[in-house]
PDB file of all heavy atoms in Angstrom:
ATOM      1  N   ILE A   1      14.211 -11.367 -19.806  1.00  0.00           N
ATOM      2  CA  ILE A   1      14.904 -12.449 -20.492  1.00  0.00           C
ATOM      3  C   ILE A   1      14.208 -13.765 -20.177  1.00  0.00           C
ATOM      4  O   ILE A   1      13.872 -14.058 -19.042  1.00  0.00           O
ATOM      5  CB  ILE A   1      16.396 -12.497 -20.075  1.00  0.00           C
ATOM      6  CG1 ILE A   1      17.133 -13.589 -20.836  1.00  0.00           C
ATOM      7  CG2 ILE A   1      16.517 -12.668 -18.544  1.00  0.00           C
ATOM      8  CD1 ILE A   1      18.625 -13.499 -20.708  1.00  0.00           C
ATOM      9  N   THR A   2      13.918 -14.534 -21.203  1.00  0.00           N
ATOM     10  CA  THR A   2      13.250 -15.809 -21.066  1.00  0.00           C
ATOM     11  C   THR A   2      14.292 -16.880 -20.699  1.00  0.00           C
ATOM     12  O   THR A   2      15.499 -16.643 -20.751  1.00  0.00           O
ATOM     13  CB  THR A   2      12.527 -16.271 -22.312  1.00  0.00           C
ATOM     14  OG1 THR A   2      13.461 -16.607 -23.351  1.00  0.00           O
ATOM     15  CG2 THR A   2      11.572 -15.154 -22.813  1.00  0.00           C
ATOM     16  N   LYS A   3      13.818 -18.088 -20.360  1.00  0.00           N
ATOM     17  CA  LYS A   3      14.737 -19.140 -19.997  1.00  0.00           C
ATOM     18  C   LYS A   3      15.540 -19.618 -21.195  1.00  0.00           C
ATOM     19  O   LYS A   3      16.549 -20.285 -21.036  1.00  0.00           O
ATOM     20  CB  LYS A   3      13.963 -20.320 -19.366  1.00  0.00           C
ATOM     21  CG  LYS A   3      12.938 -20.979 -20.280  1.00  0.00           C
ATOM     22  CD  LYS A   3      12.155 -22.045 -19.519  1.00  0.00           C
ATOM     23  CE  LYS A   3      11.088 -22.642 -20.403  1.00  0.00           C
ATOM     24  NZ  LYS A   3      10.322 -23.696 -19.633  1.00  0.00           N
ATOM     25  N   ARG A   4      15.117 -19.235 -22.403  1.00  0.00           N
ATOM     26  CA  ARG A   4      15.880 -19.536 -23.587  1.00  0.00           C
ATOM     27  C   ARG A   4      16.610 -18.337 -24.140  1.00  0.00           C
ATOM     28  O   ARG A   4      17.008 -18.305 -25.279  1.00  0.00           O
ATOM     29  CB  ARG A   4      14.924 -20.115 -24.667  1.00  0.00           C
ATOM     30  CG  ARG A   4      14.177 -21.362 -24.212  1.00  0.00           C
ATOM     31  CD  ARG A   4      13.490 -22.050 -25.359  1.00  0.00           C
ATOM     32  NE  ARG A   4      14.436 -22.696 -26.247  1.00  0.00           N
ATOM     33  CZ  ARG A   4      14.091 -23.266 -27.427  1.00  0.00           C
ATOM     34  NH1 ARG A   4      12.857 -23.265 -27.812  1.00  0.00           N
ATOM     35  NH2 ARG A   4      15.054 -23.825 -28.147  1.00  0.00           N
ATOM     36  N   ASP A   5      16.813 -17.345 -23.278  1.00  0.00           N
ATOM     37  CA  ASP A   5      17.616 -16.163 -23.584  1.00  0.00           C
ATOM     38  C   ASP A   5      17.054 -15.237 -24.641  1.00  0.00           C
ATOM     39  O   ASP A   5      17.809 -14.479 -25.291  1.00  0.00           O
ATOM     40  CB  ASP A   5      19.063 -16.581 -23.969  1.00  0.00           C
ATOM     41  CG  ASP A   5      19.824 -17.179 -22.835  1.00  0.00           C
ATOM     42  OD1 ASP A   5      19.529 -16.853 -21.661  1.00  0.00           O
ATOM     43  OD2 ASP A   5      20.760 -17.988 -23.105  1.00  0.00           O
ATOM     44  N   ASN A   6      15.752 -15.237 -24.826  1.00  0.00           N
ATOM     45  CA  ASN A   6      15.106 -14.229 -25.629  1.00  0.00           C
ATOM     46  C   ASN A   6      14.954 -12.955 -24.783  1.00  0.00           C
ATOM     47  O   ASN A   6      14.429 -13.020 -23.689  1.00  0.00           O
ATOM     48  CB  ASN A   6      13.729 -14.715 -26.108  1.00  0.00           C
ATOM     49  CG  ASN A   6      13.125 -13.845 -27.162  1.00  0.00           C
ATOM     50  OD1 ASN A   6      13.794 -13.003 -27.768  1.00  0.00           O
ATOM     51  ND2 ASN A   6      11.843 -14.049 -27.438  1.00  0.00           N
ATOM     52  N   THR A   7      15.413 -11.825 -25.290  1.00  0.00           N
ATOM     53  CA  THR A   7      15.471 -10.600 -24.487  1.00  0.00           C
ATOM     54  C   THR A   7      14.581  -9.497 -25.037  1.00  0.00           C
ATOM     55  O   THR A   7      14.273  -9.462 -26.232  1.00  0.00           O
ATOM     56  CB  THR A   7      16.925 -10.078 -24.403  1.00  0.00           C
ATOM     57  OG1 THR A   7      17.443  -9.776 -25.683  1.00  0.00           O
ATOM     58  CG2 THR A   7      17.809 -11.095 -23.715  1.00  0.00           C
ATOM     59  N   TYR A   8      14.186  -8.608 -24.130  1.00  0.00           N
ATOM     60  CA  TYR A   8      13.452  -7.405 -24.458  1.00  0.00           C
ATOM     61  C   TYR A   8      14.051  -6.254 -23.650  1.00  0.00           C
ATOM     62  O   TYR A   8      14.419  -6.394 -22.494  1.00  0.00           O
ATOM     63  CB  TYR A   8      11.984  -7.564 -24.075  1.00  0.00           C
ATOM     64  CG  TYR A   8      11.249  -6.260 -23.983  1.00  0.00           C
ATOM     65  CD1 TYR A   8      10.724  -5.626 -25.106  1.00  0.00           C
ATOM     66  CD2 TYR A   8      11.099  -5.617 -22.749  1.00  0.00           C
ATOM     67  CE1 TYR A   8      10.076  -4.421 -25.022  1.00  0.00           C
ATOM     68  CE2 TYR A   8      10.457  -4.386 -22.633  1.00  0.00           C
ATOM     69  CZ  TYR A   8       9.957  -3.803 -23.797  1.00  0.00           C
ATOM     70  OH  TYR A   8       9.315  -2.571 -23.688  1.00  0.00           O
ATOM     71  N   TYR A   9      14.088  -5.076 -24.285  1.00  0.00           N
ATOM     72  CA  TYR A   9      14.567  -3.871 -23.595  1.00  0.00           C
ATOM     73  C   TYR A   9      13.631  -2.712 -23.904  1.00  0.00           C
ATOM     74  O   TYR A   9      13.145  -2.559 -25.009  1.00  0.00           O
ATOM     75  CB  TYR A   9      15.942  -3.467 -24.085  1.00  0.00           C
ATOM     76  CG  TYR A   9      17.016  -4.496 -23.839  1.00  0.00           C
ATOM     77  CD1 TYR A   9      17.320  -5.415 -24.818  1.00  0.00           C
ATOM     78  CD2 TYR A   9      17.724  -4.507 -22.635  1.00  0.00           C
ATOM     79  CE1 TYR A   9      18.311  -6.391 -24.600  1.00  0.00           C
ATOM     80  CE2 TYR A   9      18.730  -5.447 -22.439  1.00  0.00           C
ATOM     81  CZ  TYR A   9      18.980  -6.384 -23.410  1.00  0.00           C
ATOM     82  OH  TYR A   9      19.984  -7.324 -23.161  1.00  0.00           O
ATOM     83  N   VAL A  10      13.400  -1.896 -22.878  1.00  0.00           N
ATOM     84  CA  VAL A  10      12.692  -0.635 -23.087  1.00  0.00           C
ATOM     85  C   VAL A  10      13.578   0.272 -24.001  1.00  0.00           C
ATOM     86  O   VAL A  10      14.815   0.199 -23.917  1.00  0.00           O
ATOM     87  CB  VAL A  10      12.317   0.049 -21.764  1.00  0.00           C
ATOM     88  CG1 VAL A  10      13.552   0.527 -21.067  1.00  0.00           C
ATOM     89  CG2 VAL A  10      11.307   1.156 -21.977  1.00  0.00           C
ATOM     90  N   ASP A  11      12.953   1.043 -24.836  1.00  0.00           N
ATOM     91  CA  ASP A  11      13.710   1.838 -25.820  1.00  0.00           C
ATOM     92  C   ASP A  11      14.789   2.691 -25.191  1.00  0.00           C
ATOM     93  O   ASP A  11      15.892   2.856 -25.759  1.00  0.00           O
ATOM     94  CB  ASP A  11      12.776   2.730 -26.601  1.00  0.00           C
ATOM     95  CG  ASP A  11      11.939   1.969 -27.644  1.00  0.00           C
ATOM     96  OD1 ASP A  11      12.272   0.822 -27.948  1.00  0.00           O
ATOM     97  OD2 ASP A  11      10.948   2.550 -28.126  1.00  0.00           O
ATOM     98  N   SER A  12      14.563   3.228 -24.015  1.00  0.00           N
ATOM     99  CA  SER A  12      15.475   4.167 -23.409  1.00  0.00           C
ATOM    100  C   SER A  12      16.795   3.522 -22.985  1.00  0.00           C
ATOM    101  O   SER A  12      17.786   4.257 -22.693  1.00  0.00           O
ATOM    102  CB  SER A  12      14.834   4.845 -22.162  1.00  0.00           C
ATOM    103  OG  SER A  12      14.452   3.864 -21.210  1.00  0.00           O
ATOM    104  N   VAL A  13      16.863   2.203 -22.890  1.00  0.00           N
ATOM    105  CA  VAL A  13      18.108   1.553 -22.479  1.00  0.00           C
ATOM    106  C   VAL A  13      18.726   0.690 -23.576  1.00  0.00           C
ATOM    107  O   VAL A  13      19.834   0.152 -23.372  1.00  0.00           O
ATOM    108  CB  VAL A  13      17.901   0.699 -21.202  1.00  0.00           C
ATOM    109  CG1 VAL A  13      17.241   1.493 -20.122  1.00  0.00           C
ATOM    110  CG2 VAL A  13      17.144  -0.561 -21.488  1.00  0.00           C
ATOM    111  N   LYS A  14      18.108   0.598 -24.716  1.00  0.00           N
ATOM    112  CA  LYS A  14      18.626  -0.200 -25.792  1.00  0.00           C
ATOM    113  C   LYS A  14      20.015   0.266 -26.216  1.00  0.00           C
ATOM    114  O   LYS A  14      20.259   1.448 -26.399  1.00  0.00           O
ATOM    115  CB  LYS A  14      17.668  -0.191 -27.009  1.00  0.00           C
ATOM    116  CG  LYS A  14      16.441  -0.983 -26.826  1.00  0.00           C
ATOM    117  CD  LYS A  14      15.549  -0.936 -28.050  1.00  0.00           C
ATOM    118  CE  LYS A  14      14.268  -1.766 -27.868  1.00  0.00           C
ATOM    119  NZ  LYS A  14      13.352  -1.650 -29.016  1.00  0.00           N
ATOM    120  N   GLY A  15      20.927  -0.688 -26.375  1.00  0.00           N
ATOM    121  CA  GLY A  15      22.295  -0.334 -26.743  1.00  0.00           C
ATOM    122  C   GLY A  15      23.181   0.012 -25.577  1.00  0.00           C
ATOM    123  O   GLY A  15      24.388   0.093 -25.747  1.00  0.00           O
ATOM    124  N   ARG A  16      22.577   0.212 -24.424  1.00  0.00           N
ATOM    125  CA  ARG A  16      23.387   0.559 -23.215  1.00  0.00           C
ATOM    126  C   ARG A  16      23.358  -0.540 -22.146  1.00  0.00           C
ATOM    127  O   ARG A  16      24.349  -0.746 -21.443  1.00  0.00           O
ATOM    128  CB  ARG A  16      22.878   1.841 -22.620  1.00  0.00           C
ATOM    129  CG  ARG A  16      22.963   3.063 -23.547  1.00  0.00           C
ATOM    130  CD  ARG A  16      22.661   4.363 -22.836  1.00  0.00           C
ATOM    131  NE  ARG A  16      21.297   4.398 -22.289  1.00  0.00           N
ATOM    132  CZ  ARG A  16      21.002   4.527 -21.005  1.00  0.00           C
ATOM    133  NH1 ARG A  16      21.951   4.674 -20.100  1.00  0.00           N
ATOM    134  NH2 ARG A  16      19.726   4.543 -20.628  1.00  0.00           N
ATOM    135  N   PHE A  17      22.215  -1.209 -22.030  1.00  0.00           N
ATOM    136  CA  PHE A  17      22.042  -2.240 -20.996  1.00  0.00           C
ATOM    137  C   PHE A  17      22.003  -3.613 -21.641  1.00  0.00           C
ATOM    138  O   PHE A  17      21.529  -3.768 -22.773  1.00  0.00           O
ATOM    139  CB  PHE A  17      20.714  -2.043 -20.235  1.00  0.00           C
ATOM    140  CG  PHE A  17      20.676  -0.852 -19.332  1.00  0.00           C
ATOM    141  CD1 PHE A  17      21.660   0.136 -19.359  1.00  0.00           C
ATOM    142  CD2 PHE A  17      19.605  -0.725 -18.446  1.00  0.00           C
ATOM    143  CE1 PHE A  17      21.565   1.246 -18.521  1.00  0.00           C
ATOM    144  CE2 PHE A  17      19.530   0.383 -17.592  1.00  0.00           C
ATOM    145  CZ  PHE A  17      20.511   1.358 -17.638  1.00  0.00           C
ATOM    146  N   THR A  18      22.504  -4.599 -20.902  1.00  0.00           N
ATOM    147  CA  THR A  18      22.472  -5.990 -21.364  1.00  0.00           C
ATOM    148  C   THR A  18      21.959  -6.863 -20.212  1.00  0.00           C
ATOM    149  O   THR A  18      22.582  -6.870 -19.130  1.00  0.00           O
ATOM    150  CB  THR A  18      23.836  -6.479 -21.828  1.00  0.00           C
ATOM    151  OG1 THR A  18      24.322  -5.647 -22.887  1.00  0.00           O
ATOM    152  CG2 THR A  18      23.728  -7.904 -22.350  1.00  0.00           C
ATOM    153  N   ILE A  19      20.877  -7.574 -20.445  1.00  0.00           N
ATOM    154  CA  ILE A  19      20.336  -8.502 -19.463  1.00  0.00           C
ATOM    155  C   ILE A  19      20.828  -9.909 -19.786  1.00  0.00           C
ATOM    156  O   ILE A  19      20.940 -10.292 -20.955  1.00  0.00           O
ATOM    157  CB  ILE A  19      18.808  -8.458 -19.408  1.00  0.00           C
ATOM    158  CG1 ILE A  19      18.263  -9.238 -18.229  1.00  0.00           C
ATOM    159  CG2 ILE A  19      18.186  -8.931 -20.730  1.00  0.00           C
ATOM    160  CD1 ILE A  19      16.768  -9.026 -17.990  1.00  0.00           C
ATOM    161  N   SER A  20      21.165 -10.679 -18.772  1.00  0.00           N
ATOM    162  CA  SER A  20      21.640 -12.057 -18.954  1.00  0.00           C
ATOM    163  C   SER A  20      21.261 -12.827 -17.699  1.00  0.00           C
ATOM    164  O   SER A  20      20.833 -12.307 -16.706  1.00  0.00           O
ATOM    165  CB  SER A  20      23.156 -12.088 -19.204  1.00  0.00           C
ATOM    166  OG  SER A  20      23.862 -11.583 -18.087  1.00  0.00           O
ATOM    167  N   ARG A  21      21.446 -14.134 -17.817  1.00  0.00           N
ATOM    168  CA  ARG A  21      21.096 -15.014 -16.689  1.00  0.00           C
ATOM    169  C   ARG A  21      22.047 -16.252 -16.689  1.00  0.00           C
ATOM    170  O   ARG A  21      22.503 -16.661 -17.742  1.00  0.00           O
ATOM    171  CB  ARG A  21      19.635 -15.488 -16.740  1.00  0.00           C
ATOM    172  CG  ARG A  21      19.260 -16.328 -17.973  1.00  0.00           C
ATOM    173  CD  ARG A  21      17.776 -16.430 -18.118  1.00  0.00           C
ATOM    174  NE  ARG A  21      17.169 -17.330 -17.143  1.00  0.00           N
ATOM    175  CZ  ARG A  21      15.839 -17.456 -16.950  1.00  0.00           C
ATOM    176  NH1 ARG A  21      14.997 -16.721 -17.662  1.00  0.00           N
ATOM    177  NH2 ARG A  21      15.401 -18.320 -16.040  1.00  0.00           N
ATOM    178  N   ASP A  22      22.247 -16.782 -15.527  1.00  0.00           N
ATOM    179  CA  ASP A  22      22.985 -18.019 -15.323  1.00  0.00           C
ATOM    180  C   ASP A  22      22.026 -18.981 -14.661  1.00  0.00           C
ATOM    181  O   ASP A  22      21.785 -18.932 -13.444  1.00  0.00           O
ATOM    182  CB  ASP A  22      24.205 -17.792 -14.452  1.00  0.00           C
ATOM    183  CG  ASP A  22      25.076 -19.038 -14.342  1.00  0.00           C
ATOM    184  OD1 ASP A  22      24.574 -20.159 -14.505  1.00  0.00           O
ATOM    185  OD2 ASP A  22      26.292 -18.854 -14.098  1.00  0.00           O
ATOM    186  N   ASN A  23      21.429 -19.881 -15.466  1.00  0.00           N
ATOM    187  CA  ASN A  23      20.411 -20.789 -14.956  1.00  0.00           C
ATOM    188  C   ASN A  23      20.955 -21.772 -13.901  1.00  0.00           C
ATOM    189  O   ASN A  23      20.212 -22.180 -12.991  1.00  0.00           O
ATOM    190  CB  ASN A  23      19.760 -21.530 -16.111  1.00  0.00           C
ATOM    191  CG  ASN A  23      18.941 -20.646 -17.002  1.00  0.00           C
ATOM    192  OD1 ASN A  23      18.351 -19.667 -16.553  1.00  0.00           O
ATOM    193  ND2 ASN A  23      18.903 -20.973 -18.303  1.00  0.00           N
ATOM    194  N   ALA A  24      22.202 -22.173 -14.067  1.00  0.00           N
ATOM    195  CA  ALA A  24      22.789 -23.066 -13.088  1.00  0.00           C
ATOM    196  C   ALA A  24      22.921 -22.441 -11.699  1.00  0.00           C
ATOM    197  O   ALA A  24      22.913 -23.151 -10.698  1.00  0.00           O
ATOM    198  CB  ALA A  24      24.163 -23.524 -13.558  1.00  0.00           C
TER     199      ALA A  24
END
């Protein structure tokens, strides 16, 4: 996940995993 919340997932976890961040 980039600092602007652009995300990438490996195919095997798409739809099951969610990456997120709290910059503060």
